[in-house]
Each structure stands twice: as structure tokens, then as C-alpha cells.
Protein backbone atom coordinates (compact mmCIF):
# COMPACT_ATOMS: atom_id res chain seq x y z
CA MET A 1 68.04 113.54 103.29
CA PHE A 2 67.40 117.23 104.03
CA LYS A 3 69.52 116.85 107.15
CA LEU A 4 72.47 115.70 105.05
CA LEU A 5 71.92 118.43 102.46
CA GLY A 6 72.32 120.92 105.30
CA GLY A 7 76.04 120.36 104.83
CA LEU A 8 75.81 122.54 101.70
CA LYS A 9 75.52 125.67 103.87
CA LYS A 10 79.29 126.09 103.84
CA TYR A 11 79.11 126.50 100.05
CA LYS A 12 76.53 129.29 100.13
CA VAL A 13 78.74 131.70 98.13
CA PRO A 14 79.24 129.46 95.06
CA ILE A 15 75.62 128.28 95.33
CA SER A 16 74.47 131.92 95.32
CA VAL A 17 76.54 132.50 92.18
CA ILE A 18 74.95 129.41 90.59
CA ILE A 19 71.43 130.65 91.43
CA ILE A 20 72.06 134.13 89.99
CA LEU A 21 73.69 132.83 86.81
CA THR A 22 70.94 130.20 86.39
CA PHE A 23 68.28 132.90 86.62
CA ILE A 24 70.07 135.00 83.97
CA GLU A 25 70.56 131.96 81.71
CA VAL A 26 66.87 130.96 81.89
CA ILE A 27 65.69 134.53 81.21
CA ALA A 28 67.94 134.61 78.12
CA GLU A 29 66.57 131.27 76.92
CA LEU A 30 62.99 132.46 77.48
CA TYR A 31 63.60 135.53 75.33
CA LEU A 32 64.86 133.56 72.31
CA PRO A 33 61.41 132.33 71.09
CA THR A 34 60.11 135.91 71.29
CA ILE A 35 62.93 137.10 69.02
CA MET A 36 62.18 134.25 66.63
CA ALA A 37 58.48 135.21 66.57
CA ASN A 38 59.40 138.80 65.79
CA ILE A 39 61.69 137.67 62.95
CA VAL A 40 58.77 135.80 61.36
CA ASP A 41 56.00 138.35 62.00
CA LYS A 42 57.99 141.57 61.54
CA GLY A 43 60.90 140.50 59.37
CA ILE A 44 59.86 137.72 57.02
CA VAL A 45 56.21 138.77 56.58
CA LYS A 46 57.20 142.41 55.91
CA ALA A 47 60.36 141.42 53.97
CA ASP A 48 62.50 143.57 56.30
CA THR A 49 66.00 142.10 55.74
CA ALA A 50 67.71 144.59 58.04
CA TYR A 51 65.40 143.61 60.91
CA ILE A 52 66.04 139.93 60.24
CA TRP A 53 69.83 140.45 60.39
CA GLN A 54 69.56 142.59 63.50
CA SER A 55 67.36 140.06 65.32
CA GLY A 56 69.51 137.15 64.10
CA ILE A 57 72.68 138.74 65.54
CA GLN A 58 70.76 139.36 68.77
CA MET A 59 69.76 135.69 68.90
CA MET A 60 73.34 134.62 68.22
CA GLY A 61 74.65 136.84 71.01
CA LEU A 62 72.09 135.50 73.49
CA THR A 63 72.89 131.92 72.48
CA ILE A 64 76.64 132.41 73.02
CA ALA A 65 75.93 134.11 76.36
CA THR A 66 73.74 131.19 77.53
CA ILE A 67 76.45 128.70 76.50
CA ILE A 68 79.10 130.59 78.50
CA LEU A 69 76.76 130.88 81.49
CA MET A 70 75.96 127.17 81.28
CA ILE A 71 79.67 126.24 81.29
CA ILE A 72 80.27 128.39 84.38
CA ILE A 73 77.18 126.96 86.12
CA VAL A 74 78.19 123.35 85.36
CA PHE A 75 81.74 124.03 86.58
CA TYR A 76 80.62 125.46 89.92
CA SER A 77 77.91 122.82 90.32
CA ALA A 78 80.44 120.04 89.80
CA LYS A 79 82.90 121.69 92.19
CA VAL A 80 80.27 122.09 94.92
CA SER A 81 78.86 118.57 94.52
CA MET A 82 82.29 116.91 94.51
CA SER A 83 83.41 118.96 97.50
CA TYR A 84 80.21 118.03 99.31
CA GLY A 85 80.85 114.34 98.57
CA ARG A 86 84.41 114.69 99.87
CA ASP A 87 83.15 116.27 103.10
CA LEU A 88 80.47 113.62 103.51
CA ARG A 89 82.97 110.79 103.06
CA ALA A 90 85.30 112.44 105.59
CA GLN A 91 82.39 112.83 108.02
CA ILE A 92 81.42 109.17 107.69
CA PHE A 93 85.04 108.00 108.00
CA GLU A 94 85.62 110.12 111.08
CA ARG A 95 82.42 108.78 112.62
CA VAL A 96 83.28 105.18 111.80
CA THR A 97 86.76 105.46 113.28
CA SER A 98 85.15 106.45 116.59
CA PHE A 99 83.05 103.26 116.67
CA SER A 100 83.76 100.53 119.14
CA LEU A 101 83.95 96.95 117.89
CA GLN A 102 80.33 96.59 118.98
CA GLU A 103 79.18 99.19 116.42
CA PHE A 104 81.28 97.58 113.69
CA ASN A 105 79.54 94.30 114.41
CA LYS A 106 76.12 95.96 114.14
CA VAL A 107 76.65 97.51 110.71
CA GLY A 108 79.22 95.23 109.10
CA THR A 109 82.39 96.11 107.20
CA ALA A 110 80.92 95.48 103.72
CA SER A 111 77.96 97.74 104.45
CA LEU A 112 80.21 100.50 105.80
CA ILE A 113 82.30 100.40 102.62
CA THR A 114 79.15 100.64 100.48
CA ARG A 115 77.80 103.54 102.50
CA THR A 116 81.10 105.41 102.29
CA SER A 117 81.41 104.92 98.54
CA ASN A 118 78.22 104.08 96.61
CA ASP A 119 75.79 105.90 98.87
CA VAL A 120 77.93 109.04 98.94
CA VAL A 121 78.10 108.98 95.12
CA GLN A 122 74.30 108.96 95.05
CA MET A 123 74.24 112.07 97.25
CA GLN A 124 76.88 113.72 95.03
CA THR A 125 74.78 113.02 91.95
CA LEU A 126 71.66 114.37 93.65
CA THR A 127 73.50 117.55 94.64
CA MET A 128 74.70 118.04 91.07
CA MET A 129 71.18 117.52 89.72
CA ILE A 130 69.69 119.91 92.27
CA LEU A 131 72.11 122.66 91.35
CA ARG A 132 71.52 122.10 87.62
CA MET A 133 67.95 120.89 87.19
CA MET A 134 66.13 121.68 90.42
CA LEU A 135 67.08 125.36 90.11
CA THR A 136 66.55 125.61 86.36
CA ALA A 137 63.27 123.69 86.05
CA PRO A 138 61.00 125.82 88.30
CA ILE A 139 62.26 129.13 86.85
CA MET A 140 61.91 127.88 83.29
CA LEU A 141 58.49 126.30 84.03
CA ILE A 142 56.99 129.45 85.50
CA GLY A 143 58.65 131.73 82.92
CA SER A 144 57.54 129.56 79.98
CA ILE A 145 53.94 129.45 81.21
CA VAL A 146 53.87 133.24 81.65
CA MET A 147 55.35 133.82 78.19
CA ALA A 148 52.99 131.27 76.60
CA VAL A 149 49.94 132.88 78.20
CA SER A 150 51.14 136.29 77.02
CA ARG A 151 51.20 134.94 73.46
CA ASN A 152 47.73 133.39 73.56
CA ALA A 153 45.74 132.70 76.73
CA LYS A 154 43.20 130.48 74.96
CA LEU A 155 45.86 128.15 73.53
CA SER A 156 47.49 127.94 76.96
CA LEU A 157 44.52 125.90 78.20
CA VAL A 158 46.31 122.88 76.68
CA PHE A 159 48.63 122.91 79.70
CA CYS A 160 45.67 122.55 82.07
CA VAL A 161 45.23 119.04 80.68
CA VAL A 162 48.88 118.07 80.15
CA LEU A 163 50.48 119.19 83.42
CA PRO A 164 48.18 117.18 85.79
CA ILE A 165 48.84 114.05 83.71
CA LEU A 166 52.61 114.60 83.97
CA MET A 167 52.28 115.20 87.69
CA LEU A 168 50.44 111.89 88.18
CA VAL A 169 53.09 110.04 86.16
CA MET A 170 55.90 111.45 88.32
CA ILE A 171 54.09 110.67 91.57
CA PHE A 172 53.46 107.09 90.42
CA ILE A 173 57.13 106.58 89.48
CA GLY A 174 58.35 108.10 92.75
CA MET A 175 56.09 105.86 94.86
CA LYS A 176 57.09 102.81 92.85
CA VAL A 177 60.88 103.13 92.86
CA THR A 178 61.52 104.32 96.45
CA PRO A 179 61.19 100.85 98.10
CA ILE A 180 63.01 99.26 95.16
CA PHE A 181 66.10 101.43 95.63
CA LYS A 182 66.16 100.73 99.37
CA LYS A 183 66.16 97.04 98.53
CA LEU A 184 68.83 97.60 95.86
CA GLN A 185 71.24 99.20 98.34
CA THR A 186 70.81 96.23 100.68
CA LYS A 187 71.55 93.92 97.75
CA THR A 188 74.69 95.97 97.06
CA ASP A 189 75.85 95.29 100.64
CA GLY A 190 75.35 91.56 100.13
CA LEU A 191 77.20 91.60 96.81
CA ASN A 192 80.14 93.49 98.32
CA ARG A 193 80.25 91.10 101.26
CA VAL A 194 80.46 88.01 99.04
CA ILE A 195 83.11 89.60 96.80
CA ARG A 196 85.15 90.68 99.83
CA GLU A 197 84.97 87.22 101.41
CA GLY A 198 85.88 85.58 98.12
CA LEU A 199 88.94 87.77 97.60
CA ASN A 200 90.15 87.60 101.20
CA GLY A 201 89.63 83.85 101.41
CA ILE A 202 90.93 82.91 97.96
CA ARG A 203 93.64 80.64 99.40
CA VAL A 204 91.21 78.74 101.60
CA ILE A 205 88.71 78.47 98.73
CA ARG A 206 91.31 76.97 96.41
CA ALA A 207 92.78 74.75 99.12
CA PHE A 208 89.36 73.17 99.68
CA ASN A 209 88.58 73.17 95.96
CA LYS A 210 85.46 75.28 96.54
CA SER A 211 85.86 77.69 93.63
CA ALA A 212 82.73 76.34 91.96
CA ASP A 213 80.71 76.72 95.16
CA GLU A 214 81.91 80.29 95.63
CA ARG A 215 81.04 81.11 92.02
CA GLN A 216 77.58 79.72 92.62
CA ARG A 217 77.22 81.80 95.79
CA PHE A 218 78.37 84.88 93.90
CA ASP A 219 76.00 84.09 91.01
CA GLU A 220 73.08 83.90 93.43
CA VAL A 221 73.68 87.30 95.03
CA ASN A 222 74.69 88.80 91.69
CA GLN A 223 71.50 87.50 90.10
CA GLY A 224 69.43 88.91 92.97
CA TYR A 225 71.12 92.29 92.59
CA SER A 226 70.69 92.22 88.81
CA GLU A 227 67.00 91.36 88.98
CA THR A 228 66.33 94.17 91.45
CA ALA A 229 68.39 96.65 89.40
CA ILE A 230 66.69 95.62 86.15
CA TYR A 231 63.26 96.01 87.71
CA ALA A 232 64.19 99.44 89.06
CA ASN A 233 65.52 100.51 85.65
CA LYS A 234 62.38 99.22 83.96
CA VAL A 235 60.28 101.46 86.18
CA MET A 236 62.63 104.38 85.52
CA ALA A 237 62.69 103.65 81.78
CA PHE A 238 58.89 103.79 81.77
CA ALA A 239 59.05 107.50 82.55
CA MET A 240 60.92 108.73 79.49
CA PRO A 241 58.70 107.21 76.75
CA VAL A 242 55.56 108.35 78.58
CA ILE A 243 56.88 111.90 78.91
CA MET A 244 58.03 111.96 75.28
CA LEU A 245 54.62 110.67 74.19
CA ILE A 246 52.89 113.40 76.17
CA MET A 247 55.27 116.01 74.76
CA ASN A 248 54.60 114.91 71.17
CA ILE A 249 50.84 114.80 71.70
CA THR A 250 51.04 118.26 73.24
CA SER A 251 52.96 119.55 70.21
CA ILE A 252 50.32 118.11 67.90
CA ALA A 253 47.55 119.66 70.00
CA ILE A 254 49.25 123.07 69.98
CA VAL A 255 49.72 122.97 66.18
CA TRP A 256 46.14 121.72 65.68
CA PHE A 257 44.44 124.34 67.83
CA GLY A 258 46.97 127.01 66.87
CA GLY A 259 46.25 126.41 63.18
CA LYS A 260 42.57 126.97 63.83
CA LEU A 261 43.29 130.22 65.69
CA ILE A 262 45.49 131.39 62.81
CA GLY A 263 42.65 130.64 60.42
CA GLN A 264 40.32 132.70 62.62
CA GLY A 265 42.84 135.55 62.69
CA GLU A 266 43.39 135.30 66.45
CA LEU A 267 47.02 134.20 66.21
CA GLU A 268 50.01 134.99 64.02
CA VAL A 269 52.36 132.37 62.59
CA GLY A 270 55.38 133.72 64.50
CA ASN A 271 53.47 133.65 67.77
CA LEU A 272 52.44 130.05 67.09
CA MET A 273 56.11 129.12 66.55
CA ALA A 274 57.06 130.90 69.78
CA PHE A 275 54.19 129.22 71.60
CA ILE A 276 55.41 125.80 70.44
CA GLN A 277 58.87 126.63 71.81
CA TYR A 278 57.44 127.78 75.13
CA GLY A 279 55.29 124.67 75.27
CA MET A 280 58.37 122.50 74.76
CA GLN A 281 60.18 124.44 77.48
CA VAL A 282 57.28 123.83 79.86
CA LEU A 283 57.34 120.11 79.11
CA PHE A 284 61.15 120.01 79.20
CA SER A 285 61.03 121.59 82.66
CA PHE A 286 58.61 118.89 83.75
CA MET A 287 60.89 116.28 82.23
CA MET A 288 63.76 117.62 84.35
CA LEU A 289 61.54 117.44 87.42
CA ALA A 290 60.60 113.89 86.43
CA MET A 291 64.29 112.96 86.29
CA MET A 292 64.66 114.44 89.76
CA PHE A 293 61.73 112.36 90.97
CA VAL A 294 63.47 109.28 89.61
CA LEU A 295 66.78 110.18 91.27
CA ILE A 296 65.46 111.42 94.61
CA PRO A 297 64.12 108.01 95.83
CA ARG A 298 67.49 106.36 95.30
CA ALA A 299 69.33 109.25 96.92
CA ALA A 300 66.80 109.21 99.77
CA ALA A 301 67.55 105.52 100.40
CA SER A 302 71.28 106.27 100.39
CA ALA A 303 70.78 109.29 102.66
CA GLN A 304 68.89 107.13 105.16
CA ARG A 305 71.72 104.60 105.23
CA ILE A 306 74.31 107.36 105.71
CA ASN A 307 72.22 108.94 108.47
CA ASP A 308 71.95 105.55 110.18
CA VAL A 309 75.76 105.46 110.43
CA LEU A 310 76.12 109.08 111.52
CA ALA A 311 73.31 108.73 114.07
CA LEU A 312 74.53 105.40 115.47
CA LYS A 313 75.17 105.95 119.14
CA THR A 314 78.73 105.23 120.16
CA GLU A 315 78.75 103.07 123.26
CA ILE A 316 82.30 103.99 124.25
CA VAL A 317 82.71 107.72 124.77
CA ASP A 318 85.28 109.86 126.53
CA PRO A 319 84.30 111.53 129.82
CA VAL A 320 83.58 115.26 129.82
CA LYS A 321 86.54 115.87 132.14
CA PRO A 322 88.94 112.97 131.55
CA GLN A 323 91.53 112.02 134.13
CA VAL A 324 95.18 112.16 133.11
CA LEU A 325 96.79 108.74 133.03
CA ASP A 326 100.43 108.81 134.13
CA ASN A 327 102.85 105.98 133.45
CA ILE A 328 100.99 102.74 134.09
CA GLN A 329 102.30 101.25 137.32
CA HIS A 330 99.43 98.98 138.29
CA ILE A 331 96.49 97.26 136.59
CA ALA A 332 93.51 95.69 138.35
CA PHE A 333 90.46 93.82 137.10
CA ASN A 334 87.71 94.10 139.70
CA LYS A 335 84.94 91.52 139.09
CA VAL A 336 84.82 92.33 135.37
CA SER A 337 82.10 90.76 133.23
CA PHE A 338 81.28 91.30 129.57
CA GLN A 339 78.46 89.97 127.43
CA PHE A 340 78.06 90.49 123.70
CA GLU A 341 74.76 91.87 122.50
CA HIS A 342 72.16 89.11 122.02
CA ALA A 343 74.59 86.52 123.44
CA GLU A 344 73.13 83.83 125.70
CA LYS A 345 75.85 84.09 128.32
CA PRO A 346 78.77 86.38 129.20
CA ALA A 347 82.05 86.05 127.31
CA ILE A 348 83.88 86.62 130.60
CA GLU A 349 82.36 86.68 134.08
CA GLN A 350 83.61 88.01 137.44
CA VAL A 351 87.26 88.19 136.36
CA SER A 352 89.60 89.71 138.97
CA PHE A 353 93.40 89.96 138.93
CA THR A 354 96.20 92.50 139.29
CA ALA A 355 99.42 93.25 137.42
CA ASP A 356 102.29 95.49 138.47
CA ARG A 357 105.04 97.20 136.53
CA GLY A 358 107.80 94.75 135.67
CA GLU A 359 105.52 91.69 135.76
CA GLN A 360 105.03 89.31 132.87
CA ILE A 361 101.42 88.12 132.81
CA ALA A 362 100.37 85.17 130.65
CA ILE A 363 96.79 84.16 129.84
CA ILE A 364 96.14 80.60 128.72
CA GLY A 365 93.03 78.61 128.04
CA SER A 366 91.08 76.75 125.40
CA THR A 367 89.60 78.41 122.32
CA GLY A 368 86.63 80.59 123.29
CA ALA A 369 87.67 80.76 126.94
CA GLY A 370 87.60 84.57 126.90
CA LYS A 371 91.30 85.36 126.64
CA SER A 372 91.02 87.98 123.87
CA THR A 373 87.98 89.49 125.57
CA VAL A 374 90.15 90.28 128.59
CA ILE A 375 92.52 92.15 126.25
CA ASN A 376 89.60 94.02 124.67
CA MET A 377 88.61 95.23 128.13
CA LEU A 378 92.13 96.58 128.75
CA THR A 379 92.26 98.47 125.46
CA ARG A 380 88.62 99.52 125.89
CA PHE A 381 87.64 98.16 122.49
CA TYR A 382 84.52 96.97 124.32
CA GLU A 383 82.94 98.44 127.44
CA VAL A 384 82.71 96.24 130.50
CA THR A 385 79.17 95.09 131.30
CA THR A 386 79.79 95.01 135.04
CA GLY A 387 82.82 95.59 137.25
CA GLU A 388 85.73 97.90 136.51
CA VAL A 389 89.19 97.93 134.99
CA LEU A 390 91.61 100.10 136.96
CA MET A 391 94.96 101.57 135.95
CA ASN A 392 96.93 103.25 138.72
CA GLY A 393 93.70 103.00 140.74
CA GLU A 394 91.72 104.99 138.11
CA ASP A 395 88.77 103.49 136.23
CA ILE A 396 89.78 103.53 132.55
CA ARG A 397 86.29 104.80 131.69
CA GLN A 398 87.39 108.09 133.27
CA VAL A 399 90.40 108.31 130.95
CA ALA A 400 90.38 109.59 127.35
CA GLN A 401 90.68 106.70 124.91
CA ALA A 402 93.59 108.31 123.06
CA ASP A 403 95.46 108.85 126.35
CA LEU A 404 94.85 105.23 127.32
CA ARG A 405 95.90 103.66 124.03
CA LYS A 406 99.01 105.75 123.51
CA ARG A 407 100.46 103.95 126.55
CA ILE A 408 99.66 100.51 125.17
CA GLY A 409 101.67 98.57 122.61
CA LEU A 410 99.32 96.01 121.09
CA VAL A 411 100.19 93.13 118.80
CA PRO A 412 96.84 91.72 117.62
CA GLN A 413 96.05 88.11 116.97
CA LYS A 414 96.14 88.67 113.21
CA ALA A 415 99.35 90.48 112.25
CA LEU A 416 98.31 93.33 109.96
CA LEU A 417 100.79 95.44 108.03
CA PHE A 418 99.90 98.49 105.97
CA SER A 419 101.03 99.20 102.44
CA GLY A 420 104.17 101.34 102.42
CA THR A 421 107.63 100.44 103.70
CA ILE A 422 108.98 98.53 106.68
CA ALA A 423 110.07 101.84 108.23
CA SER A 424 106.62 103.44 107.82
CA ASN A 425 105.01 100.42 109.46
CA LEU A 426 107.44 100.41 112.37
CA ARG A 427 106.92 104.13 112.95
CA TYR A 428 103.13 103.70 112.97
CA GLY A 429 102.97 104.26 116.73
CA ASN A 430 106.01 106.51 117.05
CA GLY A 431 106.58 108.81 114.10
CA GLU A 432 109.71 110.30 115.67
CA ALA A 433 111.57 106.99 116.07
CA THR A 434 115.11 106.95 114.71
CA ASP A 435 116.56 104.26 112.47
CA ALA A 436 118.61 103.04 115.43
CA GLN A 437 115.44 102.54 117.46
CA LEU A 438 113.86 100.66 114.56
CA TRP A 439 116.81 98.32 114.28
CA ARG A 440 116.83 97.74 118.03
CA ALA A 441 113.13 96.76 117.93
CA LEU A 442 113.81 94.47 114.96
CA GLU A 443 116.68 92.82 116.85
CA ILE A 444 114.46 92.10 119.85
CA ALA A 445 111.64 90.85 117.59
CA GLN A 446 114.11 88.51 115.82
CA ALA A 447 113.34 90.26 112.52
CA ALA A 448 116.58 92.13 111.88
CA GLU A 449 118.21 89.22 110.05
CA PHE A 450 115.64 88.87 107.25
CA VAL A 451 115.19 92.68 106.97
CA ARG A 452 118.95 93.10 106.36
CA GLU A 453 118.72 90.56 103.54
CA LEU A 454 116.19 92.73 101.70
CA ASP A 455 117.48 95.04 98.97
CA ASN A 456 116.24 98.26 100.55
CA GLN A 457 116.20 97.01 104.16
CA LEU A 458 114.08 99.49 106.18
CA GLU A 459 112.78 101.06 102.96
CA ALA A 460 111.71 97.71 101.53
CA VAL A 461 108.18 97.82 100.12
CA VAL A 462 105.33 96.32 102.13
CA GLU A 463 102.36 95.33 100.02
CA GLN A 464 98.78 95.67 101.20
CA GLY A 465 98.27 93.48 104.25
CA GLY A 466 101.96 92.53 104.16
CA ASP A 467 101.24 89.84 101.57
CA ASN A 468 104.87 89.83 100.38
CA PHE A 469 105.99 88.46 103.78
CA SER A 470 105.40 85.11 105.43
CA GLY A 471 103.15 84.71 108.46
CA GLY A 472 106.10 84.52 110.84
CA GLN A 473 107.77 87.56 109.30
CA LYS A 474 104.58 89.58 109.59
CA GLN A 475 104.23 88.61 113.25
CA ARG A 476 107.77 89.66 114.03
CA LEU A 477 107.35 92.99 112.21
CA ALA A 478 104.11 93.58 114.13
CA ILE A 479 105.92 92.87 117.39
CA ALA A 480 108.72 95.27 116.42
CA ARG A 481 106.11 97.93 115.61
CA ALA A 482 104.70 97.65 119.13
CA LEU A 483 108.19 97.83 120.67
CA VAL A 484 109.04 101.01 118.75
CA LYS A 485 106.09 102.67 120.46
CA GLN A 486 107.91 102.37 123.83
CA ALA A 487 104.72 101.80 125.80
CA ASP A 488 104.01 101.19 129.48
CA LEU A 489 101.89 98.13 128.74
CA TYR A 490 102.61 95.56 126.03
CA ILE A 491 99.88 93.16 124.96
CA PHE A 492 100.65 90.15 122.76
CA ASP A 493 97.41 88.49 121.68
CA ASP A 494 98.58 85.05 120.59
CA SER A 495 101.28 86.84 118.60
CA PHE A 496 103.86 84.04 118.53
CA SER A 497 101.74 81.31 116.92
CA ALA A 498 103.53 81.49 113.54
CA LEU A 499 107.01 81.28 115.08
CA ASP A 500 109.07 78.14 115.44
CA PHE A 501 110.08 77.09 118.97
CA LYS A 502 113.65 78.33 118.60
CA THR A 503 112.64 81.80 117.40
CA ASP A 504 109.86 81.92 120.01
CA ALA A 505 112.34 81.18 122.80
CA LYS A 506 114.84 83.79 121.59
CA LEU A 507 112.12 86.39 121.23
CA ARG A 508 110.76 85.81 124.73
CA GLN A 509 114.22 85.91 126.23
CA ALA A 510 114.89 89.27 124.52
CA LEU A 511 111.49 90.60 125.59
CA ALA A 512 112.09 89.63 129.20
CA VAL A 513 115.16 91.87 129.25
CA TYR A 514 113.64 94.72 127.24
CA GLU A 515 110.36 94.96 129.14
CA GLN A 516 111.64 94.88 132.71
CA ASP A 517 110.29 98.38 133.26
CA SER A 518 106.84 97.75 131.78
CA ILE A 519 103.91 95.36 132.09
CA MET A 520 103.71 92.54 129.56
CA ILE A 521 100.51 90.57 129.02
CA THR A 522 100.69 87.61 126.69
CA ILE A 523 97.96 85.35 125.38
CA ALA A 524 99.41 82.01 124.35
CA GLN A 525 98.30 78.53 123.39
CA ARG A 526 101.58 76.77 124.20
CA ILE A 527 102.48 75.80 127.74
CA THR A 528 106.14 76.31 126.87
CA SER A 529 105.37 79.95 126.03
CA VAL A 530 103.95 80.78 129.47
CA MET A 531 106.10 78.72 131.82
CA ASP A 532 108.46 81.62 132.64
CA ALA A 533 105.72 84.19 133.24
CA THR A 534 105.55 85.94 136.61
CA LYS A 535 101.85 85.22 136.82
CA ILE A 536 99.71 82.87 134.72
CA LEU A 537 95.94 83.33 134.38
CA VAL A 538 94.00 80.23 133.44
CA MET A 539 90.69 80.88 131.62
CA ASP A 540 87.95 78.33 131.09
CA GLU A 541 84.53 79.13 129.54
CA GLY A 542 84.74 82.79 130.50
CA GLN A 543 85.82 82.10 134.06
CA LEU A 544 89.18 82.79 135.64
CA VAL A 545 89.84 79.39 137.19
CA GLY A 546 93.43 79.80 138.29
CA ILE A 547 96.18 82.33 139.03
CA GLY A 548 99.77 81.51 139.88
CA THR A 549 103.17 80.48 138.62
CA HIS A 550 103.76 77.49 136.42
CA GLU A 551 104.85 75.29 139.29
CA THR A 552 101.88 76.28 141.45
CA LEU A 553 99.29 75.69 138.71
CA LYS A 554 100.99 72.47 137.66
CA ALA A 555 100.44 71.12 141.15
CA THR A 556 96.99 72.53 141.95
CA ASN A 557 94.96 73.52 138.86
CA LYS A 558 93.07 70.81 136.95
CA VAL A 559 92.45 72.90 133.82
CA TYR A 560 96.14 73.80 133.59
CA GLN A 561 97.06 70.16 134.12
CA GLU A 562 94.76 69.12 131.27
CA ILE A 563 96.41 71.65 128.94
CA MET A 564 99.84 70.35 129.96
CA ARG A 565 98.85 66.74 129.32
CA SER A 566 97.54 67.65 125.86
CA GLN A 567 100.77 69.40 124.85
CA LEU A 568 103.63 67.78 126.71
CA SER A 569 104.97 64.27 126.81
CA GLU A 570 105.02 62.33 130.07
CA GLU A 571 108.70 63.10 130.54
CA GLU A 572 108.19 66.84 129.92
CA TRP A 573 105.06 66.95 132.09
CA ALA A 574 106.86 65.30 134.98
């Protein structure tokens, strides 16, 4: 937690102002009971009206000054804490965007969202409380004790009994709630995960009539979260009544013993009233510290979770002196293997092939054969376990990731569009693209026709995830987005699955003409989609079991023949 709070150093000027103003405010508050005591002992007792008016105006002026100071302190405290939260969120987001897919798998999307939002809010709240209470409480505590002792040292012995009891109460609460809040944050992750899955999968849930089951699953995690939160709040709620009880007993004790001292002539009535005020300030300071003790465990749990993200070692890093990657002319896989963490066997093993500029490479195979993993090696979303991926003879691990990916136009398996407009989505990889270039990409992607039918055409609104378009439309827009980038290497990861055969054929024919000066790698499930490829790679259970043209593989490769038999009729197969 202290490591994260080190980020407040950049706000040392406003924090210094807060400290100075807080000190002045507390000193003013500490002086008010003394003025009140003087009004009673010197004004009321001696019937000095002028002194009473003079002291009353002085009290009013100090009160107004403390209110103004408090407003300024709260303003700067809020500004610093909110700015700190903004910086922390930006730091987490920047760190997360540098993660490879391996790190995302370790933490989980739901947990990352919770850490970026809920956990940061906890740190913001802690910062606000530190600047308001943590600074005020110690100054007021020490000042009140000094002022109380100056009024009557004998009566001040009451604090020798009260303060240790309050200290034990705070320590007990702190030890009790720390593990609870850690557990609560984990429960928050689980709750967010179930909500996210339920919202994203609402169509599937309704299609399978599983709404009741999902509600039950949500109720279970929600109940678990509620029980943990209620228990934590019960422990926290225990603090306030105990502190108030101690404060009231202390007030009674001060009045009781103070009354006896007044009767013995050792204490004046005004000093007793001032002493009661100082006593309340001492206990109020401890109450503020108690609130901090309640808040700190939860913030500490959040800080640990944030630190876990920030300290997570990124497996894929750029070299110290990266090599410059010129236009991609040649790609080579040299005995590449990759195995997921904790997996029993490699996802791909000893894969070797080459691709040259102008070639159309197709990868085909059954589900789970390792086709997408090959793509993830090219884009360096994962790091190869053994072997090497070469571009222009250079290991891509010696190239900066940004330099590598700016030369790749990727259409992922799941077509994802961002909220905005069609034009903003198409320009995602090339912000300088002209409208003419956008329309050309749409023509090639067979999307121009339905875009022209929209009211605003290129400026038509795209909802979050592209939910206002069909699956085929989203795929074609995603393909057009990749084409606008004008890359050296185009990768289509099963990106034609939502297209009908006629549109698929037109699109591939247009791509064949457009991409003659680049490398195109396509993952496909249909034999008809790969038949015209320059080179077909056949994957089976992570192994590359065949390389060649359609005619060659049709005659010699058993796996390819099995795929053909499963998809084509006897007449087509022959």
C-alpha cells in the first residue's frame, strides 16, 4: 500500500498546502474551548458584559475562519485524491495493455475490471481520508491532551485509562476485518464474472431456456458476496457504538471527578467546561483514527490486488535494441512449438513452413488442431516455447512489437467492432485513410452495398460490439478495416465463417487481386475456401501433417482427404 501511495509525491505542493491549513485549522479549534472557559470564569462570573461580547465576537471570527479553512482543505483533498485515482487507473490500464494473452489468462478479465474500478476507488477513498483525518487526528489529539493537562493535570489521568482501551478496540477491529476484506474483493471478482457472462451470453441463455439456472447461479454468488459484506459491516459497525459508549462514560467520569475538584476549590467551572471539550476532542481524534483503522484493511487488500497487476511480469517484452523490420518479404517457422502454462501437451509442436510475398497461405484442420495458435505466434500474442519465427530472416523476438504489428492486418476469429461510426472503425489501423480508400476496402470486402443503403453511410452509428449489424456484416467490416491498414501481411482467422458461399467466393476473388503484393494467411474450415491457395497447411492435433496445393494434398494426405470426404459429395470430391 505504501508503495502505491508513493504516487502522491507529484502532488507535494497541494499536499503541503493541506498540511499547513490543517495545522492552522486545528490550532483555531483548540483555542475555542479556552475562550469559552474565559467567558464563563471572567465574563459571566464577574458580570463583565463587554468581555463577554468581545470574547463572543472572537469565537465567531475563529469559527468562520475554521469553516473557510475546512472548505479549502476539503476541496484540495478531493482534487488530490481524485487526481491520484485517475493516475492509478491510467497506470493500471497502461500496464494491462502491455500484457500478453498469457497474463490476461492468469488474472482474468472480470478481475482486471474490478481492480481498475472498485479497488482504485478504495485507494481514492483512503487518500481522501488520509488528507482529512490522518493529518487532523494526530495534531488534534496531541494538542487536546496538552491543553487538557494545562487545565488540570489531575483530571487528565482519566485519559490514561480511556486511551489504552480505545487502542485495543481499534487493534481488534483491524485484525478482524483485514482478511474479511481480502475475501470480499475476491467475491466481487466472482460476482462481476457471473454478471458479465450473463449479459454477454444472454442470447444463448434464452435460446436454451436457462434463465432460471443463471438466476440461481447469480443468486449463489450474490448471496456469498452479501454474507461476506454483511459480516464485514457488522464488525465495522461494532466500532462506533463501542467508541460512543467509551466517549459517554468518559464524559460522565470527567463531570464526576471535575465536580469533586470544583467542590474542593481546585477547579473552576469554566475550566471544567473547557476540559470536557478537550476531552471530547481527544476522543473524537481517536474516533477518526478508528475510522482509518476500519478503512485501511480494505484499502490494503485493494492495494495488494493492484500491486499484483502492476508487478506481474510481462512475458513478452521488446528487446533493448530492437531490429528495424522492413517490408515483410519472407516468413519462416523454424521448428516452432508452444505449450500453454499447466497444459499437458503442446498446442503446436515442431511446426516448420515458409511463406513469400505474393503467396496465399491457407491453414486447415479440425477444431483444436492448433491453427489459431500458429497465428498467435506470428502476431507475437504468445511467445514461442521452442523454435523461432523469422520475418525477412530476423527473429521477431528481436523486433519491437509495435513495429511488427503495424505491418500486419489481422481479422480475428470473432469480429469485434467498437462503438462509434463505420468510418472510425475502418480508420482504426490507418487514421489518415481517405474516404476513397475506405470505399475501396468496403468494395473488396463485399460490404459497400449494405453500407450505401444506410442513412449516413460511412458516418452510420456502430453500437458497442457492432450489435446493430449481423454477423456477416460485422465480418465484412472487420475485413475492410484490415484492408484499410494496407499491411504487408494479412491474417484472416476463420473470418469468412458467417458469409454465404457466393459472398465468400466474391470476397476471395477480390482479395486475390488486391493482395498480390502481400502475404495472405487464411484459417478456414471449408475445403472450398482453401482450394485456390498457393500453399495449404494441414494441422492435426498440434502437428503440421501436410503442406502443398489442393491437388497434391488431395492425392497424398490422409487428413486432408478425410476433411474433403466430410464436406464434399462424391461427385465434388472426385
